Amino acid sequence: MSVVVVATITPLDGHLQNVVDAFAVVSPKVHAEPGNELYALHRDAGTVVMIERWASPADLAAHAAGDAITELNALVAEHVSGPSEVRVLENVPLGDPLKGSIQ
């Protein structure tokens, strides 16, 4: 069963693009990690949200301890207001199977 993660990152004022640029560096590396099914960045005026899907909890654990996240943390260290808020979510499919679940 896939694991869905939503990570919310709050950049310091004026540092949003620095955070986006850091994700641009590491995203190709994460996309190549075993078990990665989705690693997609979203943003608004003051927040960055990464939506992830992993094939298994073990794949997510390997990702969390891996080189790409270590690099990301170093790249964003001076540009964020604090630690990311990371939520590991359980899928609750509703309605249309294609529209009621992150595929």
N, C-alpha and C. Protein backbone atom coordinates (compact mmCIF):
# COMPACT_ATOMS: atom_id res chain seq x y z
N MET A 1 0.83 -1.19 0.00
CA MET A 1 0.00 0.00 0.00
C MET A 1 0.88 1.25 0.00
N SER A 2 0.58 2.18 -0.85
CA SER A 2 1.35 3.42 -0.94
C SER A 2 1.20 4.27 0.31
N VAL A 3 2.22 5.07 0.56
CA VAL A 3 2.25 5.99 1.69
C VAL A 3 2.26 7.41 1.12
N VAL A 4 1.33 8.25 1.58
CA VAL A 4 1.26 9.64 1.13
C VAL A 4 1.81 10.53 2.24
N VAL A 5 2.65 11.48 1.83
CA VAL A 5 3.26 12.43 2.76
C VAL A 5 2.96 13.83 2.26
N VAL A 6 2.61 14.72 3.19
CA VAL A 6 2.49 16.14 2.89
C VAL A 6 3.44 16.87 3.83
N ALA A 7 4.41 17.55 3.24
CA ALA A 7 5.39 18.31 4.02
C ALA A 7 5.19 19.79 3.74
N THR A 8 5.02 20.57 4.79
CA THR A 8 4.81 22.01 4.68
C THR A 8 6.05 22.72 5.20
N ILE A 9 6.59 23.60 4.36
CA ILE A 9 7.81 24.33 4.67
C ILE A 9 7.48 25.82 4.65
N THR A 10 7.91 26.55 5.67
CA THR A 10 7.65 27.98 5.73
C THR A 10 8.97 28.74 5.54
N PRO A 11 9.15 29.33 4.37
CA PRO A 11 10.37 30.10 4.13
C PRO A 11 10.36 31.41 4.94
N LEU A 12 11.55 31.90 5.22
CA LEU A 12 11.66 33.24 5.79
C LEU A 12 11.16 34.25 4.75
N ASP A 13 10.73 35.42 5.21
CA ASP A 13 10.28 36.46 4.28
C ASP A 13 11.36 36.73 3.24
N GLY A 14 10.95 36.72 1.99
CA GLY A 14 11.87 37.00 0.90
C GLY A 14 12.72 35.81 0.46
N HIS A 15 12.50 34.62 1.04
CA HIS A 15 13.33 33.46 0.74
C HIS A 15 12.58 32.33 0.03
N LEU A 16 11.36 32.60 -0.39
CA LEU A 16 10.56 31.55 -1.04
C LEU A 16 11.27 30.95 -2.24
N GLN A 17 11.82 31.79 -3.10
CA GLN A 17 12.48 31.27 -4.31
C GLN A 17 13.71 30.44 -3.97
N ASN A 18 14.43 30.79 -2.90
CA ASN A 18 15.58 29.99 -2.47
C ASN A 18 15.14 28.57 -2.12
N VAL A 19 14.01 28.46 -1.44
CA VAL A 19 13.50 27.14 -1.06
C VAL A 19 13.06 26.37 -2.30
N VAL A 20 12.35 27.02 -3.20
CA VAL A 20 11.94 26.37 -4.45
C VAL A 20 13.17 25.90 -5.22
N ASP A 21 14.19 26.74 -5.29
CA ASP A 21 15.42 26.38 -6.00
C ASP A 21 16.10 25.16 -5.37
N ALA A 22 16.06 25.07 -4.05
CA ALA A 22 16.65 23.91 -3.36
C ALA A 22 15.91 22.63 -3.74
N PHE A 23 14.59 22.70 -3.78
CA PHE A 23 13.83 21.52 -4.20
C PHE A 23 14.10 21.17 -5.65
N ALA A 24 14.34 22.17 -6.49
CA ALA A 24 14.67 21.89 -7.89
C ALA A 24 15.97 21.10 -8.01
N VAL A 25 16.90 21.34 -7.10
CA VAL A 25 18.18 20.60 -7.10
C VAL A 25 17.96 19.15 -6.71
N VAL A 26 17.19 18.91 -5.66
CA VAL A 26 17.08 17.54 -5.13
C VAL A 26 15.97 16.71 -5.75
N SER A 27 14.97 17.33 -6.35
CA SER A 27 13.83 16.57 -6.87
C SER A 27 14.22 15.47 -7.87
N PRO A 28 15.09 15.73 -8.83
CA PRO A 28 15.48 14.64 -9.74
C PRO A 28 16.12 13.46 -9.01
N LYS A 29 16.85 13.75 -7.95
CA LYS A 29 17.47 12.68 -7.16
C LYS A 29 16.41 11.88 -6.42
N VAL A 30 15.43 12.57 -5.87
CA VAL A 30 14.34 11.88 -5.16
C VAL A 30 13.51 11.05 -6.14
N HIS A 31 13.24 11.61 -7.31
CA HIS A 31 12.46 10.87 -8.32
C HIS A 31 13.14 9.55 -8.69
N ALA A 32 14.46 9.48 -8.57
CA ALA A 32 15.21 8.26 -8.90
C ALA A 32 15.32 7.29 -7.74
N GLU A 33 14.86 7.67 -6.56
CA GLU A 33 14.95 6.79 -5.40
C GLU A 33 13.98 5.61 -5.53
N PRO A 34 14.38 4.45 -5.04
CA PRO A 34 13.49 3.29 -5.06
C PRO A 34 12.20 3.59 -4.30
N GLY A 35 11.08 3.24 -4.91
CA GLY A 35 9.79 3.39 -4.27
C GLY A 35 9.14 4.75 -4.40
N ASN A 36 9.84 5.74 -4.99
CA ASN A 36 9.22 7.04 -5.16
C ASN A 36 8.19 6.98 -6.28
N GLU A 37 6.96 7.36 -5.96
CA GLU A 37 5.88 7.38 -6.94
C GLU A 37 5.42 8.80 -7.25
N LEU A 38 5.69 9.73 -6.35
CA LEU A 38 5.29 11.13 -6.55
C LEU A 38 6.12 11.99 -5.62
N TYR A 39 6.63 13.09 -6.14
CA TYR A 39 7.36 14.08 -5.35
C TYR A 39 7.12 15.39 -6.07
N ALA A 40 6.03 16.10 -5.67
CA ALA A 40 5.54 17.24 -6.43
C ALA A 40 5.42 18.47 -5.54
N LEU A 41 6.07 19.55 -5.93
CA LEU A 41 6.11 20.78 -5.15
C LEU A 41 4.95 21.70 -5.52
N HIS A 42 4.40 22.34 -4.51
CA HIS A 42 3.34 23.34 -4.68
C HIS A 42 3.69 24.52 -3.78
N ARG A 43 3.18 25.70 -4.12
CA ARG A 43 3.48 26.87 -3.30
C ARG A 43 2.35 27.89 -3.37
N ASP A 44 2.34 28.77 -2.38
CA ASP A 44 1.55 29.98 -2.44
C ASP A 44 2.48 31.13 -2.09
N ALA A 45 1.96 32.25 -1.67
CA ALA A 45 2.81 33.42 -1.45
C ALA A 45 3.82 33.25 -0.31
N GLY A 46 3.56 32.34 0.64
CA GLY A 46 4.47 32.24 1.77
C GLY A 46 4.73 30.85 2.28
N THR A 47 4.29 29.85 1.56
CA THR A 47 4.44 28.47 2.00
C THR A 47 4.78 27.58 0.82
N VAL A 48 5.58 26.56 1.09
CA VAL A 48 5.90 25.54 0.11
C VAL A 48 5.36 24.22 0.65
N VAL A 49 4.66 23.48 -0.21
CA VAL A 49 4.09 22.19 0.18
C VAL A 49 4.57 21.13 -0.79
N MET A 50 5.18 20.08 -0.24
CA MET A 50 5.62 18.94 -1.04
C MET A 50 4.64 17.80 -0.80
N ILE A 51 4.09 17.28 -1.88
CA ILE A 51 3.20 16.11 -1.79
C ILE A 51 3.97 14.93 -2.36
N GLU A 52 4.05 13.88 -1.55
CA GLU A 52 4.86 12.72 -1.90
C GLU A 52 4.01 11.45 -1.82
N ARG A 53 4.41 10.46 -2.61
CA ARG A 53 3.82 9.13 -2.48
C ARG A 53 4.95 8.12 -2.62
N TRP A 54 4.97 7.17 -1.68
CA TRP A 54 6.01 6.15 -1.62
C TRP A 54 5.37 4.78 -1.67
N ALA A 55 6.04 3.83 -2.29
CA ALA A 55 5.51 2.48 -2.47
C ALA A 55 5.33 1.75 -1.15
N SER A 56 6.14 2.09 -0.15
CA SER A 56 6.05 1.39 1.13
C SER A 56 6.62 2.27 2.25
N PRO A 57 6.28 1.96 3.48
CA PRO A 57 6.90 2.67 4.60
C PRO A 57 8.43 2.54 4.61
N ALA A 58 8.93 1.40 4.20
CA ALA A 58 10.39 1.21 4.16
C ALA A 58 11.04 2.15 3.14
N ASP A 59 10.38 2.35 1.99
CA ASP A 59 10.91 3.28 0.99
C ASP A 59 10.92 4.71 1.53
N LEU A 60 9.85 5.09 2.24
CA LEU A 60 9.80 6.42 2.85
C LEU A 60 10.90 6.58 3.89
N ALA A 61 11.12 5.57 4.71
CA ALA A 61 12.16 5.63 5.74
C ALA A 61 13.55 5.78 5.11
N ALA A 62 13.79 5.06 4.02
CA ALA A 62 15.08 5.16 3.33
C ALA A 62 15.25 6.57 2.75
N HIS A 63 14.19 7.11 2.20
CA HIS A 63 14.22 8.47 1.66
C HIS A 63 14.54 9.48 2.77
N ALA A 64 13.85 9.34 3.90
CA ALA A 64 14.03 10.29 5.00
C ALA A 64 15.46 10.28 5.54
N ALA A 65 16.13 9.15 5.43
CA ALA A 65 17.52 9.02 5.92
C ALA A 65 18.54 9.17 4.81
N GLY A 66 18.10 9.49 3.60
CA GLY A 66 18.98 9.47 2.44
C GLY A 66 19.72 10.76 2.16
N ASP A 67 20.57 10.66 1.16
CA ASP A 67 21.43 11.77 0.77
C ASP A 67 20.66 12.98 0.24
N ALA A 68 19.57 12.74 -0.50
CA ALA A 68 18.83 13.86 -1.08
C ALA A 68 18.22 14.74 0.01
N ILE A 69 17.69 14.14 1.05
CA ILE A 69 17.09 14.93 2.14
C ILE A 69 18.18 15.62 2.95
N THR A 70 19.30 14.97 3.14
CA THR A 70 20.43 15.62 3.82
C THR A 70 20.86 16.85 3.03
N GLU A 71 20.95 16.71 1.72
CA GLU A 71 21.32 17.85 0.87
C GLU A 71 20.25 18.94 0.93
N LEU A 72 18.98 18.56 0.85
CA LEU A 72 17.89 19.54 0.91
C LEU A 72 17.95 20.32 2.21
N ASN A 73 18.11 19.62 3.32
CA ASN A 73 18.17 20.31 4.61
C ASN A 73 19.31 21.32 4.67
N ALA A 74 20.45 20.97 4.08
CA ALA A 74 21.57 21.90 4.05
C ALA A 74 21.27 23.10 3.16
N LEU A 75 20.62 22.86 2.03
CA LEU A 75 20.32 23.95 1.09
C LEU A 75 19.30 24.94 1.64
N VAL A 76 18.34 24.46 2.44
CA VAL A 76 17.28 25.35 2.93
C VAL A 76 17.55 25.90 4.33
N ALA A 77 18.60 25.44 5.00
CA ALA A 77 18.83 25.76 6.41
C ALA A 77 18.75 27.25 6.72
N GLU A 78 19.29 28.08 5.87
CA GLU A 78 19.32 29.53 6.12
C GLU A 78 18.10 30.25 5.54
N HIS A 79 17.14 29.49 5.00
CA HIS A 79 16.03 30.10 4.28
C HIS A 79 14.65 29.76 4.85
N VAL A 80 14.59 28.98 5.92
CA VAL A 80 13.30 28.56 6.48
C VAL A 80 13.17 29.03 7.91
N SER A 81 11.91 29.15 8.36
CA SER A 81 11.64 29.67 9.69
C SER A 81 11.76 28.61 10.78
N GLY A 82 11.86 27.35 10.38
CA GLY A 82 11.96 26.25 11.34
C GLY A 82 11.82 24.93 10.63
N PRO A 83 11.69 23.86 11.40
CA PRO A 83 11.55 22.53 10.79
C PRO A 83 10.28 22.42 9.94
N SER A 84 10.34 21.55 8.96
CA SER A 84 9.16 21.27 8.14
C SER A 84 8.11 20.56 8.99
N GLU A 85 6.86 20.80 8.66
CA GLU A 85 5.77 20.03 9.26
C GLU A 85 5.49 18.87 8.31
N VAL A 86 5.75 17.66 8.75
CA VAL A 86 5.61 16.48 7.89
C VAL A 86 4.47 15.62 8.42
N ARG A 87 3.54 15.32 7.53
CA ARG A 87 2.41 14.46 7.88
C ARG A 87 2.40 13.25 6.97
N VAL A 88 2.36 12.07 7.57
CA VAL A 88 2.20 10.82 6.84
C VAL A 88 0.72 10.46 6.93
N LEU A 89 0.07 10.35 5.78
CA LEU A 89 -1.38 10.24 5.74
C LEU A 89 -1.85 8.88 5.25
N GLU A 90 -3.01 8.50 5.73
CA GLU A 90 -3.68 7.30 5.25
C GLU A 90 -4.68 7.71 4.18
N ASN A 91 -4.65 7.03 3.06
CA ASN A 91 -5.57 7.30 1.98
C ASN A 91 -6.98 6.84 2.35
N VAL A 92 -7.97 7.69 2.09
CA VAL A 92 -9.37 7.35 2.31
C VAL A 92 -10.09 7.60 0.99
N PRO A 93 -10.09 6.61 0.08
CA PRO A 93 -10.72 6.81 -1.23
C PRO A 93 -12.23 7.03 -1.10
N LEU A 94 -12.73 8.01 -1.81
CA LEU A 94 -14.16 8.31 -1.82
C LEU A 94 -14.62 8.58 -3.24
N GLY A 95 -15.84 8.18 -3.55
CA GLY A 95 -16.42 8.49 -4.85
C GLY A 95 -15.69 7.84 -6.00
N ASP A 96 -15.47 8.61 -7.04
CA ASP A 96 -14.80 8.15 -8.25
C ASP A 96 -13.38 7.69 -7.90
N PRO A 97 -13.01 6.46 -8.25
CA PRO A 97 -11.68 5.94 -7.90
C PRO A 97 -10.51 6.76 -8.45
N LEU A 98 -10.70 7.43 -9.58
CA LEU A 98 -9.63 8.23 -10.16
C LEU A 98 -9.57 9.65 -9.58
N LYS A 99 -10.70 10.13 -9.08
CA LYS A 99 -10.74 11.49 -8.57
C LYS A 99 -10.74 11.58 -7.05
N GLY A 100 -11.06 10.48 -6.41
CA GLY A 100 -11.18 10.49 -4.96
C GLY A 100 -9.97 9.96 -4.24
N SER A 101 -8.82 9.86 -4.93
CA SER A 101 -7.61 9.34 -4.34
C SER A 101 -6.41 9.86 -5.12
N ILE A 102 -5.30 10.09 -4.40
CA ILE A 102 -4.07 10.46 -5.10
C ILE A 102 -3.55 9.18 -5.76
N GLN A 103 -3.45 9.21 -7.05
CA GLN A 103 -3.07 8.00 -7.80
C GLN A 103 -1.61 7.75 -7.74
